[in-house]
Amino acid sequence: MPLYLTEPEVKRLITMPEAIAAVEAAFADQGAGRGAQNQARSRFFLPQGVLHTMSAALPSKGVMGTKTYTSFGTETRFWVMLYSAEDGSLLAMIEGDRLGQIRTGAATGVAARHLAREDATMASLFGTGWQAETQAEALLVARPNLREVQVHSRDAHNRETFCRKMTARLGIRFSPFGSAEEAARTTQILITATSAREPILRGEWLSPGDFVAAVGANRFTAREIDETVVARADRVVVDDLDQARLEAAELIYAYERRKWSWASAVSLAQVVAGPGPARRSGDEILVFKSLGIALEDVAVAQVVYENARSLGLGREL
């Protein structure tokens, strides 16, 4: 019988280290040609809202799945349907808000593990919303030598509240910064996880050796990083090339202005499965453009499902 898993149960059923390991293994499978597949997001528009669907298969784990979510006004509802890749049976119906939050953080964790400088001890985080929390959590799993995270957002109260909460939760210093430029110029790991429609991170603020993860914008009408960030990158890594060509506004914008070429983009799967280190020198500027893909959802959902079965959680349908 399939399981129904709620948001509180999902929160109990997976840790960030487990999520990062699952997402990294899924990208390794995809990069090595072991059958992992991802289908780019499709959107069905109605006057009242939007239905989004995205699917993936992970044969090495015996699963495939579809994530669907609706955006109506200010409310978004997420669901993940997990199926057996052996007989097509439904394994689980999972409420997907927390699952999406943790898989987005996990993807950044995988990218940071492969692309950020190993000697980096400080990071800057732009944004203080619900996605920013798991970005910080994943970063500390991927780069445990970090000692401080500088936090910038438009609202001073949100900055300070976020920093107090995350310092208490993760045990390292989170420092509020009113200036985006100052935060950017003083660290070598920069993560944007905001709802901004126009760039908040500018290329002239970057230094050799920086790693940038642009996470917040997953539609072609919003940009968190400007075209100079993209142009200065020695390499741009995306979680899915097909989806990036449709949705990665920052990359589309730079390409249309002839400041960057898609020929220089590589997938995170290629990076993870590659024969050598992704960072070739300490001076490279590397950018990860995250859009959030179904392969990540299915990888995390599989762990959630297996843990639920082991612990006897969830309701059978």
Protein backbone atom coordinates (compact mmCIF):
# COMPACT_ATOMS: atom_id res chain seq x y z
CA MET A 1 0.00 0.00 0.00
CA PRO A 2 1.30 3.49 -0.80
CA LEU A 3 2.16 5.87 2.01
CA TYR A 4 0.83 9.37 2.58
CA LEU A 5 3.50 11.55 4.23
CA THR A 6 2.83 14.97 5.72
CA GLU A 7 5.10 18.00 6.06
CA PRO A 8 5.92 17.33 9.76
CA GLU A 9 6.77 13.72 8.90
CA VAL A 10 9.05 14.76 6.03
CA LYS A 11 10.88 17.08 8.39
CA ARG A 12 11.56 14.15 10.74
CA LEU A 13 12.51 11.70 8.01
CA ILE A 14 15.57 13.24 6.37
CA THR A 15 18.65 15.15 7.46
CA MET A 16 20.67 17.55 5.37
CA PRO A 17 23.67 15.18 5.16
CA GLU A 18 21.32 12.46 3.88
CA ALA A 19 19.80 14.86 1.34
CA ILE A 20 23.18 16.01 0.04
CA ALA A 21 24.37 12.42 -0.29
CA ALA A 22 21.20 11.44 -2.18
CA VAL A 23 21.31 14.40 -4.56
CA GLU A 24 25.03 13.95 -5.22
CA ALA A 25 24.52 10.25 -5.98
CA ALA A 26 21.67 11.09 -8.37
CA PHE A 27 23.83 13.57 -10.28
CA ALA A 28 26.67 11.02 -10.35
CA ASP A 29 24.29 8.47 -11.89
CA GLN A 30 23.11 10.97 -14.48
CA GLY A 31 26.63 12.08 -15.36
CA ALA A 32 27.89 8.51 -15.69
CA GLY A 33 24.99 7.48 -17.93
CA ARG A 34 23.43 5.06 -15.46
CA GLY A 35 19.87 5.79 -16.55
CA ALA A 36 18.96 8.73 -14.32
CA GLN A 37 16.67 11.01 -16.30
CA ASN A 38 15.20 14.46 -15.73
CA GLN A 39 12.34 16.16 -17.56
CA ALA A 40 12.30 19.96 -17.60
CA ARG A 41 9.49 21.75 -15.80
CA SER A 42 6.31 22.49 -17.73
CA ARG A 43 3.77 25.12 -16.78
CA PHE A 44 0.05 25.27 -17.51
CA PHE A 45 -1.29 28.81 -17.22
CA LEU A 46 -4.82 29.70 -16.19
CA PRO A 47 -6.21 33.18 -15.51
CA GLN A 48 -6.31 32.33 -11.80
CA GLY A 49 -2.91 30.65 -11.45
CA VAL A 50 -0.36 28.14 -12.72
CA LEU A 51 0.03 24.35 -12.58
CA HIS A 52 3.68 23.22 -12.65
CA THR A 53 4.82 19.64 -13.34
CA MET A 54 8.26 18.01 -13.45
CA SER A 55 9.34 14.36 -13.55
CA ALA A 56 12.46 12.23 -13.15
CA ALA A 57 13.60 8.63 -12.94
CA LEU A 58 16.32 7.14 -10.76
CA PRO A 59 16.61 3.48 -11.81
CA SER A 60 19.56 2.75 -9.52
CA LYS A 61 17.21 3.34 -6.58
CA GLY A 62 14.25 1.66 -8.27
CA VAL A 63 12.10 4.80 -8.32
CA MET A 64 10.64 7.46 -10.55
CA GLY A 65 8.38 10.35 -9.68
CA THR A 66 6.54 13.52 -10.49
CA LYS A 67 6.40 16.78 -8.61
CA THR A 68 3.36 18.96 -9.13
CA TYR A 69 2.61 22.30 -7.59
CA THR A 70 0.13 25.10 -8.02
CA SER A 71 0.72 28.84 -7.72
CA PHE A 72 -2.49 30.76 -7.13
CA GLY A 73 -2.10 34.28 -5.78
CA THR A 74 0.33 34.18 -2.87
CA GLU A 75 -0.27 30.50 -2.11
CA THR A 76 1.76 27.60 -3.52
CA ARG A 77 1.04 23.92 -2.80
CA PHE A 78 3.58 21.16 -3.50
CA TRP A 79 3.17 17.39 -3.94
CA VAL A 80 5.57 14.61 -4.91
CA MET A 81 4.28 11.29 -6.24
CA LEU A 82 6.88 8.52 -5.93
CA TYR A 83 6.50 5.36 -8.05
CA SER A 84 8.30 2.05 -8.41
CA ALA A 85 10.51 2.02 -11.51
CA GLU A 86 10.10 -1.76 -11.61
CA ASP A 87 6.32 -2.18 -11.83
CA GLY A 88 4.94 1.38 -11.90
CA SER A 89 3.08 1.08 -8.61
CA LEU A 90 2.55 4.16 -6.45
CA LEU A 91 4.89 4.08 -3.45
CA ALA A 92 4.12 7.36 -1.75
CA MET A 93 2.23 10.62 -1.97
CA ILE A 94 4.36 13.22 -0.19
CA GLU A 95 3.56 16.79 0.80
CA GLY A 96 6.40 18.62 -0.92
CA ASP A 97 7.06 22.00 0.69
CA ARG A 98 9.75 20.89 3.15
CA LEU A 99 11.05 18.34 0.67
CA GLY A 100 11.58 21.09 -1.92
CA GLN A 101 13.26 23.33 0.61
CA ILE A 102 15.77 20.69 1.67
CA ARG A 103 16.53 19.46 -1.87
CA THR A 104 17.24 23.03 -3.01
CA GLY A 105 19.71 23.40 -0.17
CA ALA A 106 21.20 20.00 -0.94
CA ALA A 107 21.86 20.94 -4.58
CA THR A 108 23.79 24.01 -3.44
CA GLY A 109 25.67 21.83 -0.96
CA VAL A 110 26.73 19.49 -3.76
CA ALA A 111 27.81 22.43 -5.94
CA ALA A 112 29.74 24.07 -3.09
CA ARG A 113 31.52 20.81 -2.29
CA HIS A 114 32.82 20.59 -5.86
CA LEU A 115 33.20 24.25 -6.85
CA ALA A 116 34.03 26.38 -3.80
CA ARG A 117 37.59 26.84 -2.60
CA GLU A 118 38.51 24.34 0.10
CA ASP A 119 40.23 27.03 2.18
CA ALA A 120 37.20 29.35 2.29
CA THR A 121 36.20 30.12 5.89
CA MET A 122 33.59 32.85 5.29
CA ALA A 123 30.46 33.01 3.16
CA SER A 124 27.88 35.63 2.27
CA LEU A 125 24.18 34.80 2.10
CA PHE A 126 21.76 37.15 0.37
CA GLY A 127 18.22 36.58 1.61
CA THR A 128 16.59 35.63 4.90
CA GLY A 129 13.54 33.66 3.78
CA TRP A 130 12.66 30.00 4.14
CA GLN A 131 15.03 28.90 1.37
CA ALA A 132 17.94 30.81 2.92
CA GLU A 133 17.80 28.62 6.05
CA THR A 134 18.49 25.37 4.23
CA GLN A 135 21.07 27.07 2.01
CA ALA A 136 23.04 27.92 5.15
CA GLU A 137 22.53 24.46 6.62
CA ALA A 138 23.70 22.72 3.45
CA LEU A 139 26.69 25.00 3.08
CA LEU A 140 27.95 24.07 6.53
CA VAL A 141 27.59 20.37 5.76
CA ALA A 142 29.47 20.75 2.48
CA ARG A 143 32.09 23.14 3.85
CA PRO A 144 32.44 22.37 7.59
CA ASN A 145 35.48 24.65 7.94
CA LEU A 146 33.31 27.77 7.58
CA ARG A 147 33.51 30.06 10.59
CA GLU A 148 31.18 32.93 9.67
CA VAL A 149 28.27 33.69 7.35
CA GLN A 150 27.53 37.31 6.46
CA VAL A 151 23.86 37.93 5.80
CA HIS A 152 22.32 40.67 3.67
CA SER A 153 18.67 41.42 3.02
CA ARG A 154 16.70 44.59 2.45
CA ASP A 155 15.00 44.54 5.86
CA ALA A 156 17.25 45.20 8.88
CA HIS A 157 14.88 43.49 11.33
CA ASN A 158 14.75 40.35 9.18
CA ARG A 159 18.55 40.31 8.91
CA GLU A 160 19.06 40.52 12.65
CA THR A 161 16.34 37.99 13.49
CA PHE A 162 17.67 35.53 10.93
CA CYS A 163 21.24 35.86 12.21
CA ARG A 164 20.24 35.25 15.82
CA LYS A 165 18.20 32.20 14.89
CA MET A 166 20.83 30.63 12.63
CA THR A 167 23.71 31.33 15.02
CA ALA A 168 21.81 29.47 17.74
CA ARG A 169 20.84 26.62 15.41
CA LEU A 170 24.11 25.98 13.59
CA GLY A 171 26.70 27.10 16.12
CA ILE A 172 28.75 29.50 14.00
CA ARG A 173 28.51 33.26 13.68
CA PHE A 174 25.89 34.77 11.36
CA SER A 175 26.51 38.52 10.97
CA PRO A 176 23.98 41.01 9.53
CA PHE A 177 25.26 43.29 6.75
CA GLY A 178 23.35 46.30 5.47
CA SER A 179 25.52 46.65 2.35
CA ALA A 180 25.28 43.98 -0.35
CA GLU A 181 28.54 45.19 -1.86
CA GLU A 182 30.43 44.97 1.42
CA ALA A 183 29.11 41.46 2.06
CA ALA A 184 30.10 40.37 -1.45
CA ARG A 185 33.62 41.81 -1.43
CA THR A 186 34.73 40.17 1.82
CA THR A 187 34.01 36.45 1.23
CA GLN A 188 34.66 33.83 -1.43
CA ILE A 189 31.37 31.93 -1.22
CA LEU A 190 28.28 33.94 -2.20
CA ILE A 191 24.75 32.54 -2.22
CA THR A 192 21.68 34.44 -3.42
CA ALA A 193 18.36 33.04 -2.18
CA THR A 194 15.94 35.94 -2.55
CA SER A 195 12.69 36.90 -4.24
CA ALA A 196 14.40 39.74 -6.11
CA ARG A 197 13.34 40.44 -9.68
CA GLU A 198 16.36 42.65 -10.45
CA PRO A 199 20.03 41.86 -9.71
CA ILE A 200 21.24 42.18 -6.14
CA LEU A 201 24.75 40.85 -6.85
CA ARG A 202 26.98 42.65 -9.35
CA GLY A 203 29.97 41.29 -11.18
CA GLU A 204 32.30 44.15 -10.30
CA TRP A 205 32.06 43.08 -6.64
CA LEU A 206 33.57 39.64 -7.31
CA SER A 207 37.17 38.61 -6.67
CA PRO A 208 39.29 35.82 -8.17
CA GLY A 209 38.44 32.51 -6.54
CA ASP A 210 34.81 33.33 -5.77
CA PHE A 211 32.05 30.74 -5.95
CA VAL A 212 28.55 32.09 -6.59
CA ALA A 213 25.33 30.09 -6.21
CA ALA A 214 22.26 31.85 -7.62
CA VAL A 215 19.28 30.01 -6.18
CA GLY A 216 16.25 32.24 -5.73
CA ALA A 217 15.06 32.93 -9.30
CA ASN A 218 13.61 29.99 -11.23
CA ARG A 219 11.60 31.87 -13.84
CA PHE A 220 12.61 33.86 -16.90
CA THR A 221 11.28 37.14 -15.47
CA ALA A 222 13.61 37.39 -12.44
CA ARG A 223 17.37 37.88 -12.05
CA GLU A 224 19.42 37.84 -8.84
CA ILE A 225 22.84 38.23 -10.47
CA ASP A 226 23.71 40.65 -13.26
CA GLU A 227 25.20 39.83 -16.64
CA THR A 228 28.69 40.82 -15.45
CA VAL A 229 28.68 38.00 -12.88
CA VAL A 230 27.91 35.59 -15.71
CA ALA A 231 30.46 37.17 -18.06
CA ARG A 232 33.24 37.02 -15.45
CA ALA A 233 32.65 33.35 -14.66
CA ASP A 234 35.30 30.93 -15.84
CA ARG A 235 32.52 28.35 -15.88
CA VAL A 236 28.79 28.35 -15.30
CA VAL A 237 27.29 25.16 -13.89
CA VAL A 238 23.54 24.45 -14.01
CA ASP A 239 21.46 21.67 -12.52
CA ASP A 240 19.87 20.96 -15.92
CA LEU A 241 20.91 22.44 -19.28
CA ASP A 242 17.51 22.07 -20.98
CA GLN A 243 15.68 23.69 -18.10
CA ALA A 244 18.27 26.47 -17.88
CA ARG A 245 17.71 27.43 -21.52
CA LEU A 246 14.03 27.92 -20.73
CA GLU A 247 14.11 29.48 -17.26
CA ALA A 248 17.54 30.83 -16.25
CA ALA A 249 16.88 34.52 -16.78
CA GLU A 250 20.37 35.56 -15.69
CA LEU A 251 21.96 33.33 -18.33
CA ILE A 252 19.42 34.14 -21.04
CA TYR A 253 19.91 37.87 -20.42
CA ALA A 254 23.72 37.60 -20.69
CA TYR A 255 23.49 35.42 -23.80
CA GLU A 256 21.11 37.76 -25.59
CA ARG A 257 23.51 40.65 -24.97
CA ARG A 258 26.43 38.59 -26.33
CA LYS A 259 28.30 38.66 -23.04
CA TRP A 260 28.24 34.90 -22.56
CA SER A 261 27.76 31.70 -24.56
CA TRP A 262 25.77 28.58 -23.75
CA ALA A 263 28.73 26.60 -25.08
CA SER A 264 30.54 27.32 -21.81
CA ALA A 265 27.74 25.96 -19.60
CA VAL A 266 28.07 22.53 -18.02
CA SER A 267 25.66 20.46 -15.96
CA LEU A 268 26.16 19.62 -12.30
CA ALA A 269 25.97 15.97 -13.35
CA GLN A 270 29.06 16.45 -15.52
CA VAL A 271 30.86 18.11 -12.62
CA VAL A 272 30.01 15.38 -10.10
CA ALA A 273 30.82 12.50 -12.46
CA GLY A 274 33.91 14.18 -13.92
CA PRO A 275 37.27 12.45 -13.80
CA GLY A 276 39.06 15.30 -12.02
CA PRO A 277 38.44 18.22 -9.68
CA ALA A 278 35.91 20.75 -10.96
CA ARG A 279 37.93 23.70 -9.68
CA ARG A 280 41.10 23.88 -11.74
CA SER A 281 42.74 26.77 -9.88
CA GLY A 282 42.26 28.91 -6.81
CA ASP A 283 41.62 32.00 -8.95
CA GLU A 284 38.70 30.69 -11.00
CA ILE A 285 35.32 32.39 -10.60
CA LEU A 286 32.69 29.64 -10.72
CA VAL A 287 28.92 30.17 -10.85
CA PHE A 288 26.19 27.64 -10.06
CA LYS A 289 22.76 28.56 -11.40
CA SER A 290 20.17 26.49 -9.55
CA LEU A 291 16.64 26.13 -10.87
CA GLY A 292 15.47 23.13 -8.88
CA ILE A 293 14.87 19.96 -10.87
CA ALA A 294 12.79 16.83 -10.44
CA LEU A 295 15.84 14.59 -10.20
CA GLU A 296 16.65 16.28 -6.89
CA ASP A 297 13.06 15.87 -5.67
CA VAL A 298 12.95 12.17 -6.55
CA ALA A 299 16.35 11.49 -4.95
CA VAL A 300 15.26 13.08 -1.68
CA ALA A 301 11.76 11.56 -1.83
CA GLN A 302 13.28 8.08 -2.12
CA VAL A 303 15.23 8.56 1.12
CA VAL A 304 12.16 9.99 2.86
CA TYR A 305 10.10 6.99 1.74
CA GLU A 306 12.67 4.39 2.80
CA ASN A 307 13.13 6.03 6.19
CA ALA A 308 9.36 6.19 6.66
CA ARG A 309 9.06 2.46 5.99
CA SER A 310 11.89 1.71 8.42
CA LEU A 311 10.38 3.86 11.18
CA GLY A 312 6.75 2.96 10.57
CA LEU A 313 5.71 6.53 9.81
CA GLY A 314 3.08 7.72 7.36
CA ARG A 315 -0.48 6.65 6.67
CA GLU A 316 -1.22 3.81 4.27
CA LEU A 317 -3.67 4.68 1.52
